[in-house]
Amino acid sequence: MNLEFDVSSVNQLYALATEAMEKKLISAHGYRGGQYELLCEGEFILLSPHGAIEHLQTLLQQSSL
């Protein structure tokens, strides 16, 4: 995990991923090799933790339109 990625960011990432799972936007999430992995529509998406936050925020915003 990148040292610049602080505890509040980890908490934000986990909260966003959990919300996305509850809304069935993703099927699974977790760290893998220093990256954050999302299972979305049967495909694994591997992103930096910051990229994962941005991706999840976009998914959640689009789902509320």
PDB file of N, CA and C in Angstrom:
ATOM      1  N   MET A   1       0.847  -1.172   0.000  1.00  0.00           N
ATOM      2  CA  MET A   1       0.000   0.000   0.000  1.00  0.00           C
ATOM      3  C   MET A   1       0.890   1.233   0.000  1.00  0.00           C
ATOM      4  N   ASN A   2       0.545   2.235  -0.757  1.00  0.00           N
ATOM      5  CA  ASN A   2       1.287   3.483  -0.831  1.00  0.00           C
ATOM      6  C   ASN A   2       1.191   4.213   0.502  1.00  0.00           C
ATOM      7  N   LEU A   3       2.338   4.676   1.004  1.00  0.00           N
ATOM      8  CA  LEU A   3       2.343   5.359   2.299  1.00  0.00           C
ATOM      9  C   LEU A   3       1.579   6.673   2.258  1.00  0.00           C
ATOM     10  N   GLU A   4       1.429   7.260   1.063  1.00  0.00           N
ATOM     11  CA  GLU A   4       0.670   8.499   0.940  1.00  0.00           C
ATOM     12  C   GLU A   4      -0.829   8.258   1.107  1.00  0.00           C
ATOM     13  N   PHE A   5      -1.222   7.033   1.021  1.00  0.00           N
ATOM     14  CA  PHE A   5      -2.629   6.672   1.135  1.00  0.00           C
ATOM     15  C   PHE A   5      -2.934   6.467   2.607  1.00  0.00           C
ATOM     16  N   ASP A   6      -3.503   7.474   3.260  1.00  0.00           N
ATOM     17  CA  ASP A   6      -3.671   7.456   4.712  1.00  0.00           C
ATOM     18  C   ASP A   6      -4.904   6.670   5.155  1.00  0.00           C
ATOM     19  N   VAL A   7      -5.046   6.567   6.455  1.00  0.00           N
ATOM     20  CA  VAL A   7      -6.126   5.767   7.039  1.00  0.00           C
ATOM     21  C   VAL A   7      -7.497   6.283   6.621  1.00  0.00           C
ATOM     22  N   SER A   8      -7.678   7.592   6.563  1.00  0.00           N
ATOM     23  CA  SER A   8      -8.993   8.115   6.175  1.00  0.00           C
ATOM     24  C   SER A   8      -9.321   7.745   4.730  1.00  0.00           C
ATOM     25  N   SER A   9      -8.302   7.689   3.868  1.00  0.00           N
ATOM     26  CA  SER A   9      -8.524   7.276   2.483  1.00  0.00           C
ATOM     27  C   SER A   9      -8.890   5.800   2.404  1.00  0.00           C
ATOM     28  N   VAL A  10      -8.244   4.977   3.226  1.00  0.00           N
ATOM     29  CA  VAL A  10      -8.580   3.549   3.273  1.00  0.00           C
ATOM     30  C   VAL A  10     -10.027   3.388   3.716  1.00  0.00           C
ATOM     31  N   ASN A  11     -10.419   4.132   4.738  1.00  0.00           N
ATOM     32  CA  ASN A  11     -11.802   4.071   5.228  1.00  0.00           C
ATOM     33  C   ASN A  11     -12.786   4.534   4.155  1.00  0.00           C
ATOM     34  N   GLN A  12     -12.431   5.601   3.438  1.00  0.00           N
ATOM     35  CA  GLN A  12     -13.297   6.102   2.372  1.00  0.00           C
ATOM     36  C   GLN A  12     -13.437   5.059   1.263  1.00  0.00           C
ATOM     37  N   LEU A  13     -12.322   4.449   0.876  1.00  0.00           N
ATOM     38  CA  LEU A  13     -12.349   3.432  -0.170  1.00  0.00           C
ATOM     39  C   LEU A  13     -13.219   2.252   0.240  1.00  0.00           C
ATOM     40  N   TYR A  14     -13.048   1.786   1.461  1.00  0.00           N
ATOM     41  CA  TYR A  14     -13.840   0.654   1.947  1.00  0.00           C
ATOM     42  C   TYR A  14     -15.330   1.014   1.992  1.00  0.00           C
ATOM     43  N   ALA A  15     -15.654   2.223   2.463  1.00  0.00           N
ATOM     44  CA  ALA A  15     -17.056   2.648   2.551  1.00  0.00           C
ATOM     45  C   ALA A  15     -17.684   2.751   1.161  1.00  0.00           C
ATOM     46  N   LEU A  16     -16.960   3.325   0.204  1.00  0.00           N
ATOM     47  CA  LEU A  16     -17.482   3.436  -1.157  1.00  0.00           C
ATOM     48  C   LEU A  16     -17.686   2.060  -1.785  1.00  0.00           C
ATOM     49  N   ALA A  17     -16.711   1.170  -1.592  1.00  0.00           N
ATOM     50  CA  ALA A  17     -16.812  -0.176  -2.158  1.00  0.00           C
ATOM     51  C   ALA A  17     -17.965  -0.946  -1.528  1.00  0.00           C
ATOM     52  N   THR A  18     -18.150  -0.791  -0.236  1.00  0.00           N
ATOM     53  CA  THR A  18     -19.256  -1.463   0.447  1.00  0.00           C
ATOM     54  C   THR A  18     -20.595  -0.944  -0.067  1.00  0.00           C
ATOM     55  N   GLU A  19     -20.708   0.368  -0.225  1.00  0.00           N
ATOM     56  CA  GLU A  19     -21.946   0.946  -0.761  1.00  0.00           C
ATOM     57  C   GLU A  19     -22.204   0.455  -2.189  1.00  0.00           C
ATOM     58  N   ALA A  20     -21.151   0.391  -2.992  1.00  0.00           N
ATOM     59  CA  ALA A  20     -21.296  -0.096  -4.369  1.00  0.00           C
ATOM     60  C   ALA A  20     -21.731  -1.561  -4.390  1.00  0.00           C
ATOM     61  N   MET A  21     -21.226  -2.352  -3.455  1.00  0.00           N
ATOM     62  CA  MET A  21     -21.654  -3.757  -3.370  1.00  0.00           C
ATOM     63  C   MET A  21     -23.116  -3.845  -2.959  1.00  0.00           C
ATOM     64  N   GLU A  22     -23.527  -3.035  -1.987  1.00  0.00           N
ATOM     65  CA  GLU A  22     -24.917  -3.048  -1.536  1.00  0.00           C
ATOM     66  C   GLU A  22     -25.867  -2.680  -2.671  1.00  0.00           C
ATOM     67  N   LYS A  23     -25.421  -1.788  -3.556  1.00  0.00           N
ATOM     68  CA  LYS A  23     -26.240  -1.374  -4.701  1.00  0.00           C
ATOM     69  C   LYS A  23     -26.040  -2.291  -5.905  1.00  0.00           C
ATOM     70  N   LYS A  24     -25.248  -3.357  -5.705  1.00  0.00           N
ATOM     71  CA  LYS A  24     -24.983  -4.360  -6.743  1.00  0.00           C
ATOM     72  C   LYS A  24     -24.287  -3.772  -7.970  1.00  0.00           C
ATOM     73  N   LEU A  25     -23.476  -2.740  -7.741  1.00  0.00           N
ATOM     74  CA  LEU A  25     -22.696  -2.145  -8.822  1.00  0.00           C
ATOM     75  C   LEU A  25     -21.384  -2.893  -9.026  1.00  0.00           C
ATOM     76  N   ILE A  26     -20.889  -3.522  -7.965  1.00  0.00           N
ATOM     77  CA  ILE A  26     -19.707  -4.381  -8.027  1.00  0.00           C
ATOM     78  C   ILE A  26     -20.024  -5.648  -7.245  1.00  0.00           C
ATOM     79  N   SER A  27     -19.269  -6.704  -7.530  1.00  0.00           N
ATOM     80  CA  SER A  27     -19.500  -7.984  -6.850  1.00  0.00           C
ATOM     81  C   SER A  27     -18.510  -8.242  -5.733  1.00  0.00           C
ATOM     82  N   ALA A  28     -17.297  -7.670  -5.849  1.00  0.00           N
ATOM     83  CA  ALA A  28     -16.254  -7.911  -4.851  1.00  0.00           C
ATOM     84  C   ALA A  28     -15.216  -6.800  -4.943  1.00  0.00           C
ATOM     85  N   HIS A  29     -14.414  -6.683  -3.885  1.00  0.00           N
ATOM     86  CA  HIS A  29     -13.347  -5.684  -3.876  1.00  0.00           C
ATOM     87  C   HIS A  29     -12.278  -6.091  -2.883  1.00  0.00           C
ATOM     88  N   GLY A  30     -11.064  -5.580  -3.098  1.00  0.00           N
ATOM     89  CA  GLY A  30      -9.979  -5.851  -2.160  1.00  0.00           C
ATOM     90  C   GLY A  30      -8.628  -5.488  -2.745  1.00  0.00           C
ATOM     91  N   TYR A  31      -7.619  -5.472  -1.864  1.00  0.00           N
ATOM     92  CA  TYR A  31      -6.255  -5.174  -2.290  1.00  0.00           C
ATOM     93  C   TYR A  31      -5.618  -6.399  -2.920  1.00  0.00           C
ATOM     94  N   ARG A  32      -4.804  -6.156  -3.942  1.00  0.00           N
ATOM     95  CA  ARG A  32      -4.061  -7.234  -4.600  1.00  0.00           C
ATOM     96  C   ARG A  32      -2.769  -6.640  -5.155  1.00  0.00           C
ATOM     97  N   GLY A  33      -1.671  -7.039  -4.575  1.00  0.00           N
ATOM     98  CA  GLY A  33      -0.367  -6.589  -5.062  1.00  0.00           C
ATOM     99  C   GLY A  33      -0.175  -5.088  -5.034  1.00  0.00           C
ATOM    100  N   GLY A  34      -0.684  -4.413  -4.009  1.00  0.00           N
ATOM    101  CA  GLY A  34      -0.537  -2.966  -3.893  1.00  0.00           C
ATOM    102  C   GLY A  34      -1.555  -2.170  -4.689  1.00  0.00           C
ATOM    103  N   GLN A  35      -2.397  -2.850  -5.433  1.00  0.00           N
ATOM    104  CA  GLN A  35      -3.452  -2.205  -6.204  1.00  0.00           C
ATOM    105  C   GLN A  35      -4.792  -2.574  -5.584  1.00  0.00           C
ATOM    106  N   TYR A  36      -5.846  -1.877  -6.002  1.00  0.00           N
ATOM    107  CA  TYR A  36      -7.175  -2.193  -5.504  1.00  0.00           C
ATOM    108  C   TYR A  36      -7.958  -2.828  -6.639  1.00  0.00           C
ATOM    109  N   GLU A  37      -8.555  -3.958  -6.352  1.00  0.00           N
ATOM    110  CA  GLU A  37      -9.248  -4.741  -7.368  1.00  0.00           C
ATOM    111  C   GLU A  37     -10.755  -4.678  -7.140  1.00  0.00           C
ATOM    112  N   LEU A  38     -11.476  -4.428  -8.224  1.00  0.00           N
ATOM    113  CA  LEU A  38     -12.934  -4.410  -8.196  1.00  0.00           C
ATOM    114  C   LEU A  38     -13.437  -5.454  -9.184  1.00  0.00           C
ATOM    115  N   LEU A  39     -14.425  -6.223  -8.788  1.00  0.00           N
ATOM    116  CA  LEU A  39     -15.077  -7.155  -9.706  1.00  0.00           C
ATOM    117  C   LEU A  39     -16.388  -6.506 -10.125  1.00  0.00           C
ATOM    118  N   CYS A  40     -16.447  -6.151 -11.385  1.00  0.00           N
ATOM    119  CA  CYS A  40     -17.590  -5.407 -11.907  1.00  0.00           C
ATOM    120  C   CYS A  40     -18.052  -6.062 -13.201  1.00  0.00           C
ATOM    121  N   GLU A  41     -19.297  -6.515 -13.231  1.00  0.00           N
ATOM    122  CA  GLU A  41     -19.888  -7.165 -14.401  1.00  0.00           C
ATOM    123  C   GLU A  41     -19.023  -8.328 -14.888  1.00  0.00           C
ATOM    124  N   GLY A  42     -18.499  -9.109 -13.956  1.00  0.00           N
ATOM    125  CA  GLY A  42     -17.725 -10.294 -14.293  1.00  0.00           C
ATOM    126  C   GLY A  42     -16.286 -10.039 -14.700  1.00  0.00           C
ATOM    127  N   GLU A  43     -15.844  -8.784 -14.683  1.00  0.00           N
ATOM    128  CA  GLU A  43     -14.476  -8.442 -15.052  1.00  0.00           C
ATOM    129  C   GLU A  43     -13.762  -7.812 -13.870  1.00  0.00           C
ATOM    130  N   PHE A  44     -12.482  -8.177 -13.707  1.00  0.00           N
ATOM    131  CA  PHE A  44     -11.674  -7.570 -12.663  1.00  0.00           C
ATOM    132  C   PHE A  44     -11.072  -6.275 -13.181  1.00  0.00           C
ATOM    133  N   ILE A  45     -11.181  -5.235 -12.386  1.00  0.00           N
ATOM    134  CA  ILE A  45     -10.589  -3.940 -12.699  1.00  0.00           C
ATOM    135  C   ILE A  45      -9.538  -3.683 -11.630  1.00  0.00           C
ATOM    136  N   LEU A  46      -8.289  -3.490 -12.037  1.00  0.00           N
ATOM    137  CA  LEU A  46      -7.191  -3.261 -11.110  1.00  0.00           C
ATOM    138  C   LEU A  46      -6.775  -1.800 -11.210  1.00  0.00           C
ATOM    139  N   LEU A  47      -6.898  -1.073 -10.093  1.00  0.00           N
ATOM    140  CA  LEU A  47      -6.631   0.364 -10.065  1.00  0.00           C
ATOM    141  C   LEU A  47      -5.743   0.718  -8.883  1.00  0.00           C
ATOM    142  N   SER A  48      -5.137   1.892  -8.959  1.00  0.00           N
ATOM    143  CA  SER A  48      -4.480   2.416  -7.767  1.00  0.00           C
ATOM    144  C   SER A  48      -5.579   2.700  -6.749  1.00  0.00           C
ATOM    145  N   PRO A  49      -5.255   2.760  -5.468  1.00  0.00           N
ATOM    146  CA  PRO A  49      -6.297   3.083  -4.484  1.00  0.00           C
ATOM    147  C   PRO A  49      -7.012   4.404  -4.791  1.00  0.00           C
ATOM    148  N   HIS A  50      -6.251   5.439  -5.203  1.00  0.00           N
ATOM    149  CA  HIS A  50      -6.890   6.715  -5.543  1.00  0.00           C
ATOM    150  C   HIS A  50      -7.784   6.560  -6.774  1.00  0.00           C
ATOM    151  N   GLY A  51      -7.318   5.803  -7.753  1.00  0.00           N
ATOM    152  CA  GLY A  51      -8.123   5.540  -8.943  1.00  0.00           C
ATOM    153  C   GLY A  51      -9.395   4.781  -8.613  1.00  0.00           C
ATOM    154  N   ALA A  52      -9.297   3.857  -7.666  1.00  0.00           N
ATOM    155  CA  ALA A  52     -10.474   3.090  -7.244  1.00  0.00           C
ATOM    156  C   ALA A  52     -11.505   3.997  -6.580  1.00  0.00           C
ATOM    157  N   ILE A  53     -11.047   4.931  -5.759  1.00  0.00           N
ATOM    158  CA  ILE A  53     -11.969   5.885  -5.127  1.00  0.00           C
ATOM    159  C   ILE A  53     -12.703   6.671  -6.204  1.00  0.00           C
ATOM    160  N   GLU A  54     -11.959   7.199  -7.177  1.00  0.00           N
ATOM    161  CA  GLU A  54     -12.580   7.979  -8.245  1.00  0.00           C
ATOM    162  C   GLU A  54     -13.565   7.130  -9.051  1.00  0.00           C
ATOM    163  N   HIS A  55     -13.177   5.910  -9.367  1.00  0.00           N
ATOM    164  CA  HIS A  55     -14.043   5.012 -10.145  1.00  0.00           C
ATOM    165  C   HIS A  55     -15.329   4.700  -9.373  1.00  0.00           C
ATOM    166  N   LEU A  56     -15.193   4.393  -8.093  1.00  0.00           N
ATOM    167  CA  LEU A  56     -16.369   4.074  -7.278  1.00  0.00           C
ATOM    168  C   LEU A  56     -17.278   5.286  -7.116  1.00  0.00           C
ATOM    169  N   GLN A  57     -16.701   6.470  -6.931  1.00  0.00           N
ATOM    170  CA  GLN A  57     -17.515   7.682  -6.824  1.00  0.00           C
ATOM    171  C   GLN A  57     -18.321   7.895  -8.104  1.00  0.00           C
ATOM    172  N   THR A  58     -17.687   7.674  -9.254  1.00  0.00           N
ATOM    173  CA  THR A  58     -18.375   7.822 -10.538  1.00  0.00           C
ATOM    174  C   THR A  58     -19.502   6.804 -10.672  1.00  0.00           C
ATOM    175  N   LEU A  59     -19.223   5.541 -10.344  1.00  0.00           N
ATOM    176  CA  LEU A  59     -20.262   4.505 -10.400  1.00  0.00           C
ATOM    177  C   LEU A  59     -21.457   4.870  -9.530  1.00  0.00           C
ATOM    178  N   LEU A  60     -21.179   5.307  -8.314  1.00  0.00           N
ATOM    179  CA  LEU A  60     -22.257   5.635  -7.380  1.00  0.00           C
ATOM    180  C   LEU A  60     -23.042   6.853  -7.843  1.00  0.00           C
ATOM    181  N   GLN A  61     -22.360   7.862  -8.398  1.00  0.00           N
ATOM    182  CA  GLN A  61     -23.058   9.045  -8.908  1.00  0.00           C
ATOM    183  C   GLN A  61     -23.955   8.672 -10.082  1.00  0.00           C
ATOM    184  N   GLN A  62     -23.438   7.840 -10.990  1.00  0.00           N
ATOM    185  CA  GLN A  62     -24.225   7.436 -12.157  1.00  0.00           C
ATOM    186  C   GLN A  62     -25.433   6.603 -11.756  1.00  0.00           C
ATOM    187  N   SER A  63     -25.301   5.837 -10.687  1.00  0.00           N
ATOM    188  CA  SER A  63     -26.415   4.983 -10.263  1.00  0.00           C
ATOM    189  C   SER A  63     -27.537   5.785  -9.627  1.00  0.00           C
ATOM    190  N   SER A  64     -27.230   7.010  -9.164  1.00  0.00           N
ATOM    191  CA  SER A  64     -28.281   7.796  -8.527  1.00  0.00           C
ATOM    192  C   SER A  64     -28.942   8.771  -9.493  1.00  0.00           C
ATOM    193  N   LEU A  65     -28.584   8.721 -10.760  1.00  0.00           N
ATOM    194  CA  LEU A  65     -29.226   9.597 -11.753  1.00  0.00           C
ATOM    195  C   LEU A  65     -30.563   9.047 -12.185  1.00  0.00           C
TER     196      LEU A  65
END
